[in-house]
């Protein structure tokens, strides 16, 4: 049974926006690295074509973006909030 949680629609919008931003970033990154724009079928057997970056260049760009995200996550430490401050990010000894 599915839940109609009130934040489900908002979360879906955030996920969709993040997906679109990531795809756009990967495409721009691939083009900046010299990838060519190609036309390909929208899906196998389709007469509709879409423009995209070369598949291997797109995969390489996606991998580079992923590794960059991992690096940022690994090198950015969240400073714990001082007890009683309800999640503020001020540093404390």
PDB file of N, CA and C in Angstrom:
ATOM      1  N   UNK A   1       0.835  -1.167   0.000  1.00  0.00           N
ATOM      2  CA  UNK A   1       0.000   0.000   0.000  1.00  0.00           C
ATOM      3  C   UNK A   1       0.887   1.239   0.000  1.00  0.00           C
ATOM      4  N   UNK A   2       0.565   2.193  -0.831  1.00  0.00           N
ATOM      5  CA  UNK A   2       1.384   3.401  -0.916  1.00  0.00           C
ATOM      6  C   UNK A   2       0.907   4.439   0.081  1.00  0.00           C
ATOM      7  N   UNK A   3       1.825   5.252   0.513  1.00  0.00           N
ATOM      8  CA  UNK A   3       1.517   6.308   1.474  1.00  0.00           C
ATOM      9  C   UNK A   3       1.373   7.629   0.729  1.00  0.00           C
ATOM     10  N   UNK A   4       0.420   8.434   1.121  1.00  0.00           N
ATOM     11  CA  UNK A   4       0.256   9.767   0.554  1.00  0.00           C
ATOM     12  C   UNK A   4       0.861  10.793   1.492  1.00  0.00           C
ATOM     13  N   UNK A   5       2.121  10.632   1.778  1.00  0.00           N
ATOM     14  CA  UNK A   5       2.828  11.535   2.664  1.00  0.00           C
ATOM     15  C   UNK A   5       2.798  12.933   2.057  1.00  0.00           C
ATOM     16  N   UNK A   6       2.499  13.963   2.853  1.00  0.00           N
ATOM     17  CA  UNK A   6       2.363  15.313   2.302  1.00  0.00           C
ATOM     18  C   UNK A   6       3.631  15.836   1.628  1.00  0.00           C
ATOM     19  N   UNK A   7       4.801  15.350   2.027  1.00  0.00           N
ATOM     20  CA  UNK A   7       6.045  15.831   1.435  1.00  0.00           C
ATOM     21  C   UNK A   7       6.481  15.025   0.214  1.00  0.00           C
ATOM     22  N   UNK A   8       5.712  14.019  -0.162  1.00  0.00           N
ATOM     23  CA  UNK A   8       6.088  13.165  -1.291  1.00  0.00           C
ATOM     24  C   UNK A   8       6.199  13.968  -2.582  1.00  0.00           C
ATOM     25  N   UNK A   9       5.246  14.846  -2.863  1.00  0.00           N
ATOM     26  CA  UNK A   9       5.277  15.646  -4.085  1.00  0.00           C
ATOM     27  C   UNK A   9       6.464  16.608  -4.069  1.00  0.00           C
ATOM     28  N   UNK A  10       6.709  17.225  -2.925  1.00  0.00           N
ATOM     29  CA  UNK A  10       7.835  18.147  -2.816  1.00  0.00           C
ATOM     30  C   UNK A  10       9.152  17.405  -3.013  1.00  0.00           C
ATOM     31  N   UNK A  11       9.264  16.231  -2.418  1.00  0.00           N
ATOM     32  CA  UNK A  11      10.489  15.435  -2.557  1.00  0.00           C
ATOM     33  C   UNK A  11      10.682  15.021  -4.005  1.00  0.00           C
ATOM     34  N   UNK A  12       9.603  14.647  -4.669  1.00  0.00           N
ATOM     35  CA  UNK A  12       9.673  14.258  -6.068  1.00  0.00           C
ATOM     36  C   UNK A  12      10.167  15.415  -6.929  1.00  0.00           C
ATOM     37  N   UNK A  13       9.706  16.623  -6.637  1.00  0.00           N
ATOM     38  CA  UNK A  13      10.153  17.794  -7.387  1.00  0.00           C
ATOM     39  C   UNK A  13      11.640  18.050  -7.175  1.00  0.00           C
ATOM     40  N   UNK A  14      12.102  17.877  -5.946  1.00  0.00           N
ATOM     41  CA  UNK A  14      13.521  18.085  -5.649  1.00  0.00           C
ATOM     42  C   UNK A  14      14.365  17.044  -6.376  1.00  0.00           C
ATOM     43  N   UNK A  15      13.934  15.797  -6.351  1.00  0.00           N
ATOM     44  CA  UNK A  15      14.672  14.732  -7.021  1.00  0.00           C
ATOM     45  C   UNK A  15      14.713  14.984  -8.531  1.00  0.00           C
ATOM     46  N   UNK A  16      13.584  15.371  -9.117  1.00  0.00           N
ATOM     47  CA  UNK A  16      13.542  15.668 -10.548  1.00  0.00           C
ATOM     48  C   UNK A  16      14.461  16.832 -10.903  1.00  0.00           C
ATOM     49  N   UNK A  17      14.456  17.869 -10.080  1.00  0.00           N
ATOM     50  CA  UNK A  17      15.324  19.024 -10.330  1.00  0.00           C
ATOM     51  C   UNK A  17      16.794  18.638 -10.217  1.00  0.00           C
ATOM     52  N   UNK A  18      17.127  17.828  -9.224  1.00  0.00           N
ATOM     53  CA  UNK A  18      18.512  17.376  -9.057  1.00  0.00           C
ATOM     54  C   UNK A  18      18.951  16.529 -10.242  1.00  0.00           C
ATOM     55  N   UNK A  19      18.073  15.649 -10.702  1.00  0.00           N
ATOM     56  CA  UNK A  19      18.385  14.805 -11.857  1.00  0.00           C
ATOM     57  C   UNK A  19      18.625  15.653 -13.099  1.00  0.00           C
ATOM     58  N   UNK A  20      17.762  16.644 -13.329  1.00  0.00           N
ATOM     59  CA  UNK A  20      17.908  17.514 -14.502  1.00  0.00           C
ATOM     60  C   UNK A  20      19.190  18.339 -14.419  1.00  0.00           C
ATOM     61  N   UNK A  21      19.493  18.868 -13.242  1.00  0.00           N
ATOM     62  CA  UNK A  21      20.706  19.667 -13.065  1.00  0.00           C
ATOM     63  C   UNK A  21      21.956  18.814 -13.283  1.00  0.00           C
ATOM     64  N   UNK A  22      21.933  17.597 -12.777  1.00  0.00           N
ATOM     65  CA  UNK A  22      23.076  16.707 -12.942  1.00  0.00           C
ATOM     66  C   UNK A  22      23.275  16.346 -14.405  1.00  0.00           C
ATOM     67  N   UNK A  23      22.185  16.013 -15.087  1.00  0.00           N
ATOM     68  CA  UNK A  23      22.283  15.659 -16.508  1.00  0.00           C
ATOM     69  C   UNK A  23      22.816  16.843 -17.322  1.00  0.00           C
ATOM     70  N   UNK A  24      22.335  18.035 -17.021  1.00  0.00           N
ATOM     71  CA  UNK A  24      22.792  19.228 -17.716  1.00  0.00           C
ATOM     72  C   UNK A  24      24.283  19.476 -17.459  1.00  0.00           C
ATOM     73  N   UNK A  25      24.692  19.337 -16.216  1.00  0.00           N
ATOM     74  CA  UNK A  25      26.091  19.541 -15.842  1.00  0.00           C
ATOM     75  C   UNK A  25      26.989  18.541 -16.549  1.00  0.00           C
ATOM     76  N   UNK A  26      26.568  17.291 -16.584  1.00  0.00           N
ATOM     77  CA  UNK A  26      27.363  16.251 -17.242  1.00  0.00           C
ATOM     78  C   UNK A  26      27.496  16.548 -18.734  1.00  0.00           C
ATOM     79  N   UNK A  27      26.403  16.968 -19.360  1.00  0.00           N
ATOM     80  CA  UNK A  27      26.462  17.301 -20.780  1.00  0.00           C
ATOM     81  C   UNK A  27      27.395  18.462 -21.062  1.00  0.00           C
ATOM     82  N   UNK A  28      27.296  19.525 -20.249  1.00  0.00           N
ATOM     83  CA  UNK A  28      28.185  20.675 -20.431  1.00  0.00           C
ATOM     84  C   UNK A  28      29.638  20.289 -20.191  1.00  0.00           C
ATOM     85  N   UNK A  29      29.874  19.473 -19.171  1.00  0.00           N
ATOM     86  CA  UNK A  29      31.233  19.035 -18.859  1.00  0.00           C
ATOM     87  C   UNK A  29      31.801  18.224 -20.014  1.00  0.00           C
ATOM     88  N   UNK A  30      31.007  17.313 -20.576  1.00  0.00           N
ATOM     89  CA  UNK A  30      31.467  16.499 -21.712  1.00  0.00           C
ATOM     90  C   UNK A  30      31.789  17.389 -22.905  1.00  0.00           C
ATOM     91  N   UNK A  31      30.940  18.370 -23.186  1.00  0.00           N
ATOM     92  CA  UNK A  31      31.201  19.284 -24.303  1.00  0.00           C
ATOM     93  C   UNK A  31      32.460  20.105 -24.061  1.00  0.00           C
ATOM     94  N   UNK A  32      32.659  20.539 -22.817  1.00  0.00           N
ATOM     95  CA  UNK A  32      33.871  21.293 -22.476  1.00  0.00           C
ATOM     96  C   UNK A  32      35.125  20.448 -22.672  1.00  0.00           C
ATOM     97  N   UNK A  33      34.993  19.142 -22.532  1.00  0.00           N
ATOM     98  CA  UNK A  33      36.125  18.234 -22.696  1.00  0.00           C
ATOM     99  C   UNK A  33      36.313  17.805 -24.151  1.00  0.00           C
ATOM    100  N   UNK A  34      35.496  18.338 -25.061  1.00  0.00           N
ATOM    101  CA  UNK A  34      35.676  18.060 -26.484  1.00  0.00           C
ATOM    102  C   UNK A  34      34.724  17.044 -27.085  1.00  0.00           C
ATOM    103  N   UNK A  35      33.712  16.619 -26.361  1.00  0.00           N
ATOM    104  CA  UNK A  35      32.748  15.655 -26.900  1.00  0.00           C
ATOM    105  C   UNK A  35      31.960  16.286 -28.038  1.00  0.00           C
ATOM    106  N   UNK A  36      31.520  15.456 -28.962  1.00  0.00           N
ATOM    107  CA  UNK A  36      30.707  15.899 -30.085  1.00  0.00           C
ATOM    108  C   UNK A  36      29.231  15.678 -29.764  1.00  0.00           C
ATOM    109  N   UNK A  37      28.379  16.517 -30.328  1.00  0.00           N
ATOM    110  CA  UNK A  37      26.939  16.337 -30.197  1.00  0.00           C
ATOM    111  C   UNK A  37      26.503  15.404 -31.319  1.00  0.00           C
ATOM    112  N   UNK A  38      25.715  14.403 -30.964  1.00  0.00           N
ATOM    113  CA  UNK A  38      25.216  13.449 -31.955  1.00  0.00           C
ATOM    114  C   UNK A  38      23.687  13.440 -31.912  1.00  0.00           C
ATOM    115  N   UNK A  39      23.087  12.929 -32.973  1.00  0.00           N
ATOM    116  CA  UNK A  39      21.650  12.680 -32.989  1.00  0.00           C
ATOM    117  C   UNK A  39      21.471  11.181 -32.868  1.00  0.00           C
ATOM    118  N   UNK A  40      20.555  10.778 -32.000  1.00  0.00           N
ATOM    119  CA  UNK A  40      20.300   9.355 -31.795  1.00  0.00           C
ATOM    120  C   UNK A  40      18.809   9.146 -31.634  1.00  0.00           C
ATOM    121  N   UNK A  41      18.334   7.914 -31.856  1.00  0.00           N
ATOM    122  CA  UNK A  41      16.911   7.651 -31.636  1.00  0.00           C
ATOM    123  C   UNK A  41      16.546   7.875 -30.174  1.00  0.00           C
ATOM    124  N   UNK A  42      15.352   8.389 -29.923  1.00  0.00           N
ATOM    125  CA  UNK A  42      14.898   8.629 -28.557  1.00  0.00           C
ATOM    126  C   UNK A  42      14.844   7.324 -27.770  1.00  0.00           C
ATOM    127  N   UNK A  43      14.524   6.234 -28.453  1.00  0.00           N
ATOM    128  CA  UNK A  43      14.542   4.894 -27.876  1.00  0.00           C
ATOM    129  C   UNK A  43      14.719   3.930 -29.043  1.00  0.00           C
ATOM    130  N   UNK A  44      15.158   2.697 -28.793  1.00  0.00           N
ATOM    131  CA  UNK A  44      15.407   1.756 -29.892  1.00  0.00           C
ATOM    132  C   UNK A  44      14.183   1.607 -30.803  1.00  0.00           C
ATOM    133  N   UNK A  45      14.402   1.787 -32.095  1.00  0.00           N
ATOM    134  CA  UNK A  45      13.336   1.646 -33.070  1.00  0.00           C
ATOM    135  C   UNK A  45      12.531   2.916 -33.299  1.00  0.00           C
ATOM    136  N   UNK A  46      12.857   3.982 -32.612  1.00  0.00           N
ATOM    137  CA  UNK A  46      12.102   5.235 -32.717  1.00  0.00           C
ATOM    138  C   UNK A  46      12.494   6.007 -33.967  1.00  0.00           C
ATOM    139  N   UNK A  47      11.531   6.689 -34.559  1.00  0.00           N
ATOM    140  CA  UNK A  47      11.803   7.611 -35.659  1.00  0.00           C
ATOM    141  C   UNK A  47      12.131   9.005 -35.133  1.00  0.00           C
ATOM    142  N   UNK A  48      11.899   9.222 -33.859  1.00  0.00           N
ATOM    143  CA  UNK A  48      12.185  10.506 -33.228  1.00  0.00           C
ATOM    144  C   UNK A  48      13.643  10.502 -32.787  1.00  0.00           C
ATOM    145  N   UNK A  49      14.347  11.575 -33.113  1.00  0.00           N
ATOM    146  CA  UNK A  49      15.746  11.656 -32.697  1.00  0.00           C
ATOM    147  C   UNK A  49      15.918  12.752 -31.652  1.00  0.00           C
ATOM    148  N   UNK A  50      16.918  12.580 -30.828  1.00  0.00           N
ATOM    149  CA  UNK A  50      17.280  13.576 -29.821  1.00  0.00           C
ATOM    150  C   UNK A  50      18.767  13.870 -29.956  1.00  0.00           C
ATOM    151  N   UNK A  51      19.164  15.061 -29.574  1.00  0.00           N
ATOM    152  CA  UNK A  51      20.578  15.417 -29.593  1.00  0.00           C
ATOM    153  C   UNK A  51      21.161  15.113 -28.216  1.00  0.00           C
ATOM    154  N   UNK A  52      22.348  14.573 -28.229  1.00  0.00           N
ATOM    155  CA  UNK A  52      23.009  14.186 -26.993  1.00  0.00           C
ATOM    156  C   UNK A  52      24.502  14.213 -27.238  1.00  0.00           C
ATOM    157  N   UNK A  53      25.288  14.090 -26.174  1.00  0.00           N
ATOM    158  CA  UNK A  53      26.735  13.955 -26.349  1.00  0.00           C
ATOM    159  C   UNK A  53      27.050  12.508 -26.686  1.00  0.00           C
ATOM    160  N   UNK A  54      28.237  12.290 -27.239  1.00  0.00           N
ATOM    161  CA  UNK A  54      28.667  10.929 -27.558  1.00  0.00           C
ATOM    162  C   UNK A  54      28.545  10.059 -26.303  1.00  0.00           C
ATOM    163  N   UNK A  55      28.068   8.832 -26.447  1.00  0.00           N
ATOM    164  CA  UNK A  55      27.841   7.988 -25.265  1.00  0.00           C
ATOM    165  C   UNK A  55      29.063   7.788 -24.369  1.00  0.00           C
ATOM    166  N   UNK A  56      30.207   7.462 -24.941  1.00  0.00           N
ATOM    167  CA  UNK A  56      31.395   7.214 -24.109  1.00  0.00           C
ATOM    168  C   UNK A  56      31.844   8.504 -23.427  1.00  0.00           C
ATOM    169  N   UNK A  57      31.793   9.622 -24.149  1.00  0.00           N
ATOM    170  CA  UNK A  57      32.170  10.902 -23.543  1.00  0.00           C
ATOM    171  C   UNK A  57      31.221  11.249 -22.404  1.00  0.00           C
ATOM    172  N   UNK A  58      29.928  10.976 -22.583  1.00  0.00           N
ATOM    173  CA  UNK A  58      28.959  11.225 -21.521  1.00  0.00           C
ATOM    174  C   UNK A  58      29.212  10.353 -20.302  1.00  0.00           C
ATOM    175  N   UNK A  59      29.540   9.087 -20.547  1.00  0.00           N
ATOM    176  CA  UNK A  59      29.851   8.189 -19.429  1.00  0.00           C
ATOM    177  C   UNK A  59      31.098   8.649 -18.682  1.00  0.00           C
ATOM    178  N   UNK A  60      32.112   9.057 -19.419  1.00  0.00           N
ATOM    179  CA  UNK A  60      33.340   9.541 -18.777  1.00  0.00           C
ATOM    180  C   UNK A  60      33.072  10.804 -17.962  1.00  0.00           C
ATOM    181  N   UNK A  61      32.282  11.703 -18.515  1.00  0.00           N
ATOM    182  CA  UNK A  61      31.944  12.940 -17.795  1.00  0.00           C
ATOM    183  C   UNK A  61      31.131  12.615 -16.544  1.00  0.00           C
ATOM    184  N   UNK A  62      30.177  11.692 -16.659  1.00  0.00           N
ATOM    185  CA  UNK A  62      29.368  11.294 -15.501  1.00  0.00           C
ATOM    186  C   UNK A  62      30.257  10.702 -14.407  1.00  0.00           C
ATOM    187  N   UNK A  63      31.218   9.882 -14.804  1.00  0.00           N
ATOM    188  CA  UNK A  63      32.137   9.278 -13.843  1.00  0.00           C
ATOM    189  C   UNK A  63      32.971  10.368 -13.153  1.00  0.00           C
ATOM    190  N   UNK A  64      33.470  11.323 -13.945  1.00  0.00           N
ATOM    191  CA  UNK A  64      34.267  12.402 -13.360  1.00  0.00           C
ATOM    192  C   UNK A  64      33.446  13.236 -12.377  1.00  0.00           C
ATOM    193  N   UNK A  65      32.193  13.525 -12.726  1.00  0.00           N
ATOM    194  CA  UNK A  65      31.322  14.274 -11.815  1.00  0.00           C
ATOM    195  C   UNK A  65      31.062  13.460 -10.549  1.00  0.00           C
ATOM    196  N   UNK A  66      30.827  12.157 -10.701  1.00  0.00           N
ATOM    197  CA  UNK A  66      30.603  11.296  -9.534  1.00  0.00           C
ATOM    198  C   UNK A  66      31.828  11.273  -8.622  1.00  0.00           C
ATOM    199  N   UNK A  67      33.004  11.119  -9.204  1.00  0.00           N
ATOM    200  CA  UNK A  67      34.219  11.077  -8.394  1.00  0.00           C
ATOM    201  C   UNK A  67      34.455  12.424  -7.706  1.00  0.00           C
ATOM    202  N   UNK A  68      34.125  13.516  -8.390  1.00  0.00           N
ATOM    203  CA  UNK A  68      34.236  14.833  -7.764  1.00  0.00           C
ATOM    204  C   UNK A  68      33.302  14.959  -6.570  1.00  0.00           C
ATOM    205  N   UNK A  69      32.084  14.449  -6.712  1.00  0.00           N
ATOM    206  CA  UNK A  69      31.125  14.489  -5.603  1.00  0.00           C
ATOM    207  C   UNK A  69      31.616  13.649  -4.428  1.00  0.00           C
ATOM    208  N   UNK A  70      32.177  12.471  -4.732  1.00  0.00           N
ATOM    209  CA  UNK A  70      32.728  11.634  -3.658  1.00  0.00           C
ATOM    210  C   UNK A  70      33.871  12.356  -2.946  1.00  0.00           C
ATOM    211  N   UNK A  71      34.722  13.030  -3.717  1.00  0.00           N
ATOM    212  CA  UNK A  71      35.853  13.743  -3.129  1.00  0.00           C
ATOM    213  C   UNK A  71      35.360  14.860  -2.210  1.00  0.00           C
ATOM    214  N   UNK A  72      34.387  15.616  -2.682  1.00  0.00           N
ATOM    215  CA  UNK A  72      33.844  16.706  -1.865  1.00  0.00           C
ATOM    216  C   UNK A  72      33.225  16.148  -0.589  1.00  0.00           C
ATOM    217  N   UNK A  73      32.465  15.063  -0.715  1.00  0.00           N
ATOM    218  CA  UNK A  73      31.828  14.465   0.463  1.00  0.00           C
ATOM    219  C   UNK A  73      32.864  13.947   1.452  1.00  0.00           C
ATOM    220  N   UNK A  74      33.957  13.404   0.937  1.00  0.00           N
ATOM    221  CA  UNK A  74      34.974  12.832   1.814  1.00  0.00           C
ATOM    222  C   UNK A  74      35.827  13.901   2.486  1.00  0.00           C
ATOM    223  N   UNK A  75      35.994  15.046   1.846  1.00  0.00           N
ATOM    224  CA  UNK A  75      36.880  16.067   2.398  1.00  0.00           C
ATOM    225  C   UNK A  75      36.142  17.175   3.126  1.00  0.00           C
ATOM    226  N   UNK A  76      34.826  17.150   3.078  1.00  0.00           N
ATOM    227  CA  UNK A  76      34.027  18.154   3.769  1.00  0.00           C
ATOM    228  C   UNK A  76      33.459  17.521   5.020  1.00  0.00           C
ATOM    229  N   UNK A  77      33.905  17.996   6.162  1.00  0.00           N
ATOM    230  CA  UNK A  77      33.386  17.423   7.397  1.00  0.00           C
ATOM    231  C   UNK A  77      32.332  18.345   7.969  1.00  0.00           C
ATOM    232  N   UNK A  78      31.262  17.752   8.376  1.00  0.00           N
ATOM    233  CA  UNK A  78      30.207  18.527   9.021  1.00  0.00           C
ATOM    234  C   UNK A  78      30.596  18.740  10.474  1.00  0.00           C
ATOM    235  N   UNK A  79      30.567  19.976  10.901  1.00  0.00           N
ATOM    236  CA  UNK A  79      30.871  20.290  12.294  1.00  0.00           C
ATOM    237  C   UNK A  79      29.626  20.013  13.122  1.00  0.00           C
ATOM    238  N   UNK A  80      29.746  19.166  14.128  1.00  0.00           N
ATOM    239  CA  UNK A  80      28.567  18.878  14.940  1.00  0.00           C
ATOM    240  C   UNK A  80      28.082  20.125  15.671  1.00  0.00           C
ATOM    241  N   UNK A  81      26.805  20.210  15.828  1.00  0.00           N
ATOM    242  CA  UNK A  81      26.223  21.355  16.530  1.00  0.00           C
ATOM    243  C   UNK A  81      26.451  21.221  18.026  1.00  0.00           C
ATOM    244  N   UNK A  82      26.597  22.341  18.677  1.00  0.00           N
ATOM    245  CA  UNK A  82      26.741  22.353  20.132  1.00  0.00           C
ATOM    246  C   UNK A  82      25.437  21.857  20.742  1.00  0.00           C
ATOM    247  N   UNK A  83      25.518  20.978  21.716  1.00  0.00           N
ATOM    248  CA  UNK A  83      24.298  20.459  22.323  1.00  0.00           C
ATOM    249  C   UNK A  83      23.382  21.588  22.788  1.00  0.00           C
ATOM    250  N   UNK A  84      22.109  21.465  22.472  1.00  0.00           N
ATOM    251  CA  UNK A  84      21.130  22.450  22.883  1.00  0.00           C
ATOM    252  C   UNK A  84      20.918  23.570  21.881  1.00  0.00           C
ATOM    253  N   UNK A  85      21.614  23.534  20.723  1.00  0.00           N
ATOM    254  CA  UNK A  85      21.470  24.615  19.753  1.00  0.00           C
ATOM    255  C   UNK A  85      20.569  24.221  18.590  1.00  0.00           C
ATOM    256  N   UNK A  86      19.941  23.077  18.644  1.00  0.00           N
ATOM    257  CA  UNK A  86      18.966  22.613  17.660  1.00  0.00           C
ATOM    258  C   UNK A  86      19.481  22.625  16.240  1.00  0.00           C
ATOM    259  N   UNK A  87      20.675  22.073  16.015  1.00  0.00           N
ATOM    260  CA  UNK A  87      21.167  21.870  14.669  1.00  0.00           C
ATOM    261  C   UNK A  87      21.889  23.016  14.017  1.00  0.00           C
ATOM    262  N   UNK A  88      22.265  24.034  14.752  1.00  0.00           N
ATOM    263  CA  UNK A  88      23.053  25.101  14.126  1.00  0.00           C
ATOM    264  C   UNK A  88      24.424  24.540  13.775  1.00  0.00           C
ATOM    265  N   UNK A  89      25.111  25.206  12.887  1.00  0.00           N
ATOM    266  CA  UNK A  89      26.399  24.677  12.433  1.00  0.00           C
ATOM    267  C   UNK A  89      27.580  25.447  12.981  1.00  0.00           C
ATOM    268  N   UNK A  90      27.397  26.176  14.060  1.00  0.00           N
ATOM    269  CA  UNK A  90      28.527  26.907  14.619  1.00  0.00           C
ATOM    270  C   UNK A  90      29.536  25.934  15.218  1.00  0.00           C
ATOM    271  N   UNK A  91      30.804  26.260  15.034  1.00  0.00           N
ATOM    272  CA  UNK A  91      31.860  25.389  15.558  1.00  0.00           C
ATOM    273  C   UNK A  91      31.971  25.578  17.071  1.00  0.00           C
ATOM    274  N   UNK A  92      32.299  24.511  17.728  1.00  0.00           N
ATOM    275  CA  UNK A  92      32.506  24.584  19.171  1.00  0.00           C
ATOM    276  C   UNK A  92      33.598  23.603  19.556  1.00  0.00           C
ATOM    277  N   UNK A  93      34.392  23.935  20.559  1.00  0.00           N
ATOM    278  CA  UNK A  93      35.494  23.049  20.963  1.00  0.00           C
ATOM    279  C   UNK A  93      35.003  21.797  21.659  1.00  0.00           C
TER     280      UNK A  93
END
